[in-house]
Protein backbone atom coordinates (compact mmCIF):
# COMPACT_ATOMS: atom_id res chain seq x y z
CA MET A 1 28.01 76.95 20.63
CA SER A 2 26.32 77.38 24.01
CA LYS A 3 27.08 80.20 26.39
CA ILE A 4 28.79 78.61 29.41
CA ALA A 5 29.81 81.77 31.26
CA LYS A 6 27.52 82.86 34.08
CA SER A 7 25.80 86.23 33.93
CA ILE A 8 27.32 89.24 35.68
CA TYR A 9 25.09 91.93 37.17
CA ARG A 10 25.90 95.55 38.07
CA ILE A 11 23.79 96.79 40.99
CA LEU A 12 23.53 100.50 41.81
CA PHE A 13 21.95 101.39 45.15
CA VAL A 14 21.93 104.25 47.62
CA ASN A 15 23.04 103.75 51.22
CA GLN A 16 23.54 106.58 53.74
CA GLY A 17 23.88 109.30 51.10
CA LYS A 18 26.33 107.36 48.93
CA LEU A 19 25.86 105.56 45.62
CA TYR A 20 27.24 102.02 45.68
CA GLU A 21 28.15 100.12 42.52
CA LEU A 22 28.52 96.37 43.04
CA TYR A 23 29.11 93.48 40.66
CA ALA A 24 27.70 90.03 41.39
CA ARG A 25 26.93 86.72 39.73
CA SER A 26 23.56 86.12 41.38
CA ILE A 27 20.69 88.48 42.16
CA HIS A 28 17.07 87.64 42.91
CA GLN A 29 14.10 88.55 45.04
CA GLY A 30 14.89 87.35 48.52
CA GLU A 31 12.68 85.63 51.04
CA LEU A 32 12.63 88.85 53.06
CA TYR A 33 9.77 90.95 51.70
CA GLY A 34 10.96 94.20 50.12
CA PHE A 35 14.60 93.14 49.67
CA ILE A 36 16.69 91.82 46.81
CA GLU A 37 19.26 89.17 47.56
CA VAL A 38 22.74 89.60 46.06
CA GLU A 39 25.20 86.69 46.15
CA GLU A 40 28.67 85.94 44.80
CA LEU A 41 30.00 89.49 44.94
CA LEU A 42 32.78 90.16 42.45
CA PHE A 43 35.82 92.33 43.10
CA GLY A 44 38.79 92.94 40.82
CA GLU A 45 41.94 90.93 41.32
CA ARG A 46 44.35 92.58 43.70
CA SER A 47 47.59 93.59 42.06
CA SER A 48 50.77 94.48 43.87
CA VAL A 49 51.36 97.32 41.41
CA LEU A 50 47.95 99.03 41.17
CA VAL A 51 45.66 99.69 44.11
CA ASN A 52 42.26 101.27 43.51
CA PRO A 53 41.24 102.98 46.79
CA ALA A 54 37.55 103.19 45.79
CA GLU A 55 37.31 99.47 45.13
CA GLU A 56 39.43 98.60 48.16
CA LYS A 57 37.03 100.55 50.42
CA LEU A 58 34.09 98.65 48.93
CA GLN A 59 35.88 95.33 49.27
CA ASN A 60 36.71 96.05 52.93
CA GLU A 61 33.08 96.93 53.67
CA PHE A 62 31.85 93.66 52.18
CA ALA A 63 34.72 91.47 53.44
CA GLY A 64 33.40 88.10 54.55
CA VAL A 65 29.89 88.75 53.18
CA GLN A 66 28.44 85.72 51.39
CA ARG A 67 25.05 87.28 50.68
CA THR A 68 23.64 90.78 51.16
CA PHE A 69 20.03 91.97 51.24
CA ILE A 70 19.36 95.40 49.72
CA PRO A 71 16.04 97.22 50.30
CA LEU A 72 14.08 97.62 47.07
CA HIS A 73 13.53 101.34 47.66
CA SER A 74 17.32 101.86 47.71
CA VAL A 75 17.98 100.19 44.35
CA VAL A 76 18.56 102.67 41.54
CA ARG A 77 19.27 100.17 38.77
CA VAL A 78 20.30 96.60 37.96
CA ASP A 79 22.07 95.78 34.67
CA GLU A 80 23.25 92.50 33.19
CA VAL A 81 26.71 93.23 31.78
CA GLU A 82 29.20 91.30 29.67
CA ARG A 83 32.14 91.69 32.05
CA GLU A 84 32.93 92.85 35.52
CA GLY A 85 33.83 96.48 36.08
CA VAL A 86 35.31 98.35 39.01
CA GLY A 87 33.04 98.58 42.06
CA LYS A 88 32.77 102.03 43.61
CA ILE A 89 31.32 104.05 46.44
CA ARG A 90 30.72 107.69 45.54
CA PRO A 91 28.69 110.55 47.00
CA VAL A 92 25.22 111.15 45.57
CA GLU A 93 25.29 114.48 43.81
CA GLY A 94 22.38 116.59 42.63
CA GLY A 95 21.83 117.35 38.96
CA ASP A 96 22.26 113.76 37.78
CA ASN A 97 19.72 112.01 35.60
CA VAL A 98 18.98 109.69 38.50
CA ALA A 99 16.12 110.80 40.74
CA LEU A 100 16.06 109.26 44.20
CA PHE A 101 12.50 108.21 44.84
CA PRO A 102 11.16 107.43 47.36
CA GLN A 103 13.29 109.01 50.04
CA PRO A 104 13.73 107.23 53.37
CA ALA A 105 11.07 108.12 55.94
CA PHE A 106 13.71 108.74 58.60
CA PRO A 107 16.98 110.26 57.30
CA PRO A 108 20.18 108.92 58.85
CA GLY A 109 21.09 110.83 62.01
CA GLY A 110 17.61 112.46 62.10
CA ASN A 111 16.33 113.71 65.46
CA ARG A 112 18.06 111.15 67.64
CA GLY A 113 19.18 112.51 70.99
CA LYS A 114 17.76 116.02 70.53
CA ASP A 115 14.97 115.67 73.11
């Protein structure tokens, strides 16, 4: 029996001091050098009974997005998984097994407007 279901990928990346966890059906090296291209973002079905604020925040941020480009240096990990999980945005905390390397050359909110 052949496997008809499309692959599902979990993408973990860092953006502005937060760790994003996205699920998508398509991921590949984009035409923009240094970026990966993520298409067909997956979000859980909305239920009138249960509302997950973490996933709702993520879904609102990516509302209307058909394709997103993520810088390679921001990607922490990409996994092919059997089924979709719950997407999240959470703060990056020290002491994890994940080392953020390399760091951005110019941290967000750096020295802008201090001159």
